[in-house]
N, C-alpha and C. Protein backbone atom coordinates (compact mmCIF):
# COMPACT_ATOMS: atom_id res chain seq x y z
N UNK A 1 1.04 -1.41 0.08
CA UNK A 1 0.01 0.08 0.01
C UNK A 1 1.07 1.26 -0.01
N UNK A 2 0.28 2.57 -0.24
CA UNK A 2 1.07 3.66 -0.47
C UNK A 2 1.55 4.05 1.06
N UNK A 3 0.88 3.47 1.93
CA UNK A 3 1.59 4.02 3.33
C UNK A 3 2.73 2.98 3.87
N UNK A 4 2.72 1.86 3.39
CA UNK A 4 4.06 1.10 3.36
C UNK A 4 5.00 1.73 2.73
N UNK A 5 4.72 2.27 1.86
CA UNK A 5 5.84 2.32 0.76
C UNK A 5 6.33 3.85 1.14
N UNK A 6 5.39 4.72 1.74
CA UNK A 6 6.05 6.02 2.36
C UNK A 6 7.14 5.72 3.40
N UNK A 7 6.81 4.69 4.35
CA UNK A 7 7.86 4.27 5.49
C UNK A 7 9.00 3.50 5.07
N UNK A 8 8.74 2.74 4.04
CA UNK A 8 9.97 2.08 3.33
C UNK A 8 11.14 2.89 3.16
N UNK A 9 10.40 4.03 2.50
CA UNK A 9 11.27 5.18 1.92
C UNK A 9 12.22 5.85 2.90
N UNK A 10 11.75 6.08 4.14
CA UNK A 10 12.10 6.63 5.44
C UNK A 10 12.94 5.67 6.11
N UNK A 11 12.98 4.47 5.73
CA UNK A 11 13.65 3.24 6.17
C UNK A 11 13.13 2.87 7.81
N UNK A 12 11.98 3.02 7.96
CA UNK A 12 11.41 2.62 9.50
C UNK A 12 10.50 1.40 8.84
N UNK A 13 10.83 0.60 10.26
CA UNK A 13 10.19 -0.45 10.43
C UNK A 13 8.81 -0.29 10.96
N UNK A 14 7.75 -0.52 10.23
CA UNK A 14 6.48 -0.45 10.93
C UNK A 14 5.72 -1.79 10.52
N UNK A 15 4.41 -1.88 11.25
CA UNK A 15 3.47 -2.66 11.06
C UNK A 15 2.04 -2.38 10.87
N UNK A 16 1.33 -2.52 9.78
CA UNK A 16 0.16 -2.14 9.42
C UNK A 16 -0.84 -3.22 9.70
N UNK A 17 -1.91 -2.71 10.56
CA UNK A 17 -2.73 -3.59 10.61
C UNK A 17 -4.50 -3.23 10.20
N UNK A 18 -4.90 -3.98 9.61
CA UNK A 18 -6.40 -3.45 9.03
C UNK A 18 -7.50 -4.44 9.78
N UNK A 19 -7.92 -4.11 11.00
CA UNK A 19 -8.87 -5.14 11.71
C UNK A 19 -9.99 -4.78 11.39
N UNK A 20 -10.80 -5.83 11.50
CA UNK A 20 -12.21 -5.72 10.80
C UNK A 20 -13.04 -5.00 11.68
N UNK A 21 -14.40 -4.71 11.44
CA UNK A 21 -15.03 -3.62 12.31
C UNK A 21 -15.20 -4.60 13.36
N UNK A 22 -15.41 -3.53 14.85
CA UNK A 22 -15.41 -4.08 16.14
C UNK A 22 -14.40 -4.99 16.61
N UNK A 23 -13.45 -5.19 15.98
CA UNK A 23 -12.30 -6.35 16.42
C UNK A 23 -11.59 -5.27 17.37
N UNK A 24 -11.39 -6.05 18.74
CA UNK A 24 -10.31 -5.18 19.48
C UNK A 24 -8.95 -5.09 18.98
N UNK A 25 -8.38 -3.99 19.43
CA UNK A 25 -6.85 -3.86 18.97
C UNK A 25 -6.28 -3.35 19.95
N UNK A 26 -4.74 -4.03 20.37
CA UNK A 26 -4.01 -3.52 21.11
C UNK A 26 -2.89 -2.83 20.78
N UNK A 27 -2.63 -1.38 20.98
CA UNK A 27 -1.86 -0.60 20.60
C UNK A 27 -0.67 -0.57 21.67
N UNK A 28 0.44 -0.63 21.13
CA UNK A 28 1.57 -0.36 22.12
C UNK A 28 2.40 1.02 21.38
N UNK A 29 2.90 1.87 22.48
CA UNK A 29 3.44 3.13 21.98
C UNK A 29 4.99 3.20 22.58
N UNK A 30 5.67 3.66 22.03
CA UNK A 30 6.98 3.77 22.61
C UNK A 30 7.11 5.31 23.31
N UNK A 31 7.47 5.26 24.45
CA UNK A 31 7.42 6.73 25.33
C UNK A 31 6.25 6.65 25.80
N UNK A 32 5.77 7.83 26.28
CA UNK A 32 4.64 8.35 27.09
C UNK A 32 3.72 8.90 26.01
N UNK A 33 2.27 8.76 26.10
CA UNK A 33 1.52 9.39 25.10
C UNK A 33 0.31 9.41 26.03
N UNK A 34 -0.53 10.41 25.97
CA UNK A 34 -1.35 10.89 26.75
C UNK A 34 -2.55 11.19 25.61
N UNK A 35 -3.66 10.51 26.00
CA UNK A 35 -5.08 10.56 25.24
C UNK A 35 -6.37 11.14 25.90
N UNK A 36 -6.65 12.20 25.53
CA UNK A 36 -7.69 13.27 26.28
C UNK A 36 -9.08 12.36 26.18
N UNK A 37 -9.69 11.92 27.12
CA UNK A 37 -11.04 11.33 27.19
C UNK A 37 -12.22 12.62 26.86
N UNK A 38 -12.94 12.51 25.76
CA UNK A 38 -13.67 13.42 25.63
C UNK A 38 -15.38 13.14 25.43
N UNK A 39 -15.99 13.96 25.51
CA UNK A 39 -17.60 13.70 25.18
C UNK A 39 -18.21 12.65 26.19
N UNK A 40 -19.32 11.84 25.70
CA UNK A 40 -19.99 11.00 26.54
C UNK A 40 -19.41 10.00 27.26
N UNK A 41 -18.49 9.74 26.83
CA UNK A 41 -17.24 8.40 27.66
C UNK A 41 -16.83 9.01 28.92
N UNK A 42 -17.00 10.36 28.99
CA UNK A 42 -16.57 10.71 30.44
C UNK A 42 -17.80 11.35 31.18
N UNK A 43 -18.98 11.04 30.93
CA UNK A 43 -20.17 11.49 31.70
C UNK A 43 -20.13 11.07 33.12
N UNK A 44 -19.33 9.91 33.34
CA UNK A 44 -19.34 9.58 34.57
C UNK A 44 -17.57 9.39 34.70
N UNK A 45 -17.06 9.91 35.87
CA UNK A 45 -15.67 9.80 36.15
C UNK A 45 -15.25 8.35 36.49
N UNK A 46 -14.41 7.84 35.80
CA UNK A 46 -13.83 6.61 35.74
C UNK A 46 -13.26 6.08 37.33
N UNK A 47 -13.11 5.00 37.73
CA UNK A 47 -12.51 4.86 38.92
C UNK A 47 -11.13 4.23 38.62
N UNK A 48 -10.23 4.47 39.58
CA UNK A 48 -8.90 4.39 39.08
C UNK A 48 -8.82 2.83 38.76
N UNK A 49 -7.99 2.54 37.74
CA UNK A 49 -7.69 1.27 37.10
C UNK A 49 -8.70 0.85 36.36
N UNK A 50 -9.67 1.44 36.06
CA UNK A 50 -11.18 0.97 35.29
C UNK A 50 -10.61 1.37 33.66
N UNK A 51 -10.88 0.41 32.83
CA UNK A 51 -10.39 0.56 31.63
C UNK A 51 -11.47 1.32 30.75
N UNK A 52 -11.08 2.37 29.96
CA UNK A 52 -12.10 3.11 28.99
C UNK A 52 -11.85 2.48 27.86
N UNK A 53 -12.99 2.40 27.21
CA UNK A 53 -12.96 1.64 25.71
C UNK A 53 -13.58 2.71 24.87
N UNK A 54 -13.33 2.85 23.53
CA UNK A 54 -13.64 3.84 22.55
C UNK A 54 -12.76 3.99 21.30
N UNK A 55 -12.93 4.85 20.70
CA UNK A 55 -11.90 5.36 19.51
C UNK A 55 -10.96 6.27 19.78
N UNK A 56 -9.63 5.83 19.45
CA UNK A 56 -8.67 6.59 19.66
C UNK A 56 -8.47 7.60 18.26
N UNK A 57 -8.76 8.90 18.49
CA UNK A 57 -8.46 9.78 17.15
C UNK A 57 -7.29 10.79 17.37
N UNK A 58 -6.64 10.88 16.24
CA UNK A 58 -5.22 11.43 16.41
C UNK A 58 -5.29 12.69 15.37
N UNK A 59 -5.26 13.97 16.09
CA UNK A 59 -5.21 15.28 15.23
C UNK A 59 -3.94 15.89 15.39
N UNK A 60 -3.10 15.50 14.61
CA UNK A 60 -1.55 16.33 14.71
C UNK A 60 -0.75 15.10 15.51
N UNK A 61 -0.37 16.01 16.78
CA UNK A 61 0.19 15.24 17.82
C UNK A 61 -0.66 14.97 19.11
N UNK A 62 -1.91 15.35 19.01
CA UNK A 62 -2.91 15.09 20.11
C UNK A 62 -3.78 13.93 19.90
N UNK A 63 -4.06 13.03 20.99
CA UNK A 63 -4.95 12.14 20.77
C UNK A 63 -6.21 12.53 21.71
N UNK A 64 -7.17 11.67 20.98
CA UNK A 64 -8.42 11.89 21.92
C UNK A 64 -8.99 10.45 21.98
N UNK A 65 -9.77 10.31 22.95
CA UNK A 65 -10.50 8.92 23.31
C UNK A 65 -11.80 9.11 23.28
N UNK A 66 -12.73 8.86 22.31
CA UNK A 66 -14.19 9.19 22.57
C UNK A 66 -15.16 7.95 22.01
N UNK A 67 -16.49 8.09 22.59
CA UNK A 67 -17.39 6.93 22.17
C UNK A 67 -17.39 7.16 20.65
N UNK A 68 -17.87 6.10 20.11
CA UNK A 68 -17.85 6.01 18.77
C UNK A 68 -19.23 7.25 18.13
N UNK A 69 -20.27 7.24 19.02
CA UNK A 69 -21.43 7.97 18.71
C UNK A 69 -21.18 9.36 18.65
N UNK A 70 -19.93 9.53 19.29
CA UNK A 70 -19.52 11.13 19.62
C UNK A 70 -18.45 11.51 18.22
N UNK A 71 -18.33 10.62 17.63
CA UNK A 71 -17.11 10.90 16.36
C UNK A 71 -17.60 11.82 15.37
N UNK A 72 -18.63 11.77 15.08
CA UNK A 72 -19.19 12.77 14.11
C UNK A 72 -19.27 14.28 14.54
N UNK A 73 -19.67 14.25 15.77
CA UNK A 73 -19.85 15.83 16.61
C UNK A 73 -18.26 16.16 16.52
N UNK A 74 -17.38 15.43 17.32
CA UNK A 74 -16.22 16.03 17.69
C UNK A 74 -14.95 15.98 16.55
N UNK A 75 -15.53 15.61 15.24
CA UNK A 75 -14.22 15.70 14.26
C UNK A 75 -14.71 16.57 13.22
N UNK A 76 -15.65 17.37 13.43
CA UNK A 76 -16.03 18.34 12.18
C UNK A 76 -15.31 19.33 12.10
């Protein structure tokens, strides 16, 4: 794909995953990354250690975690 060719030119070793809809994906990042929880996903404050599930949206170098129902509203 074009994305693979882009990173091959930069000589970076990457893995591209194309999961099926609703398939759980585990992402591993090097270094500390912070995602800001937005919208209805935070209507109730999470308990320490509780997992949040949602969509991870990247805008530039910022990451947002949101409920799928909030995607259209938050990404316009």
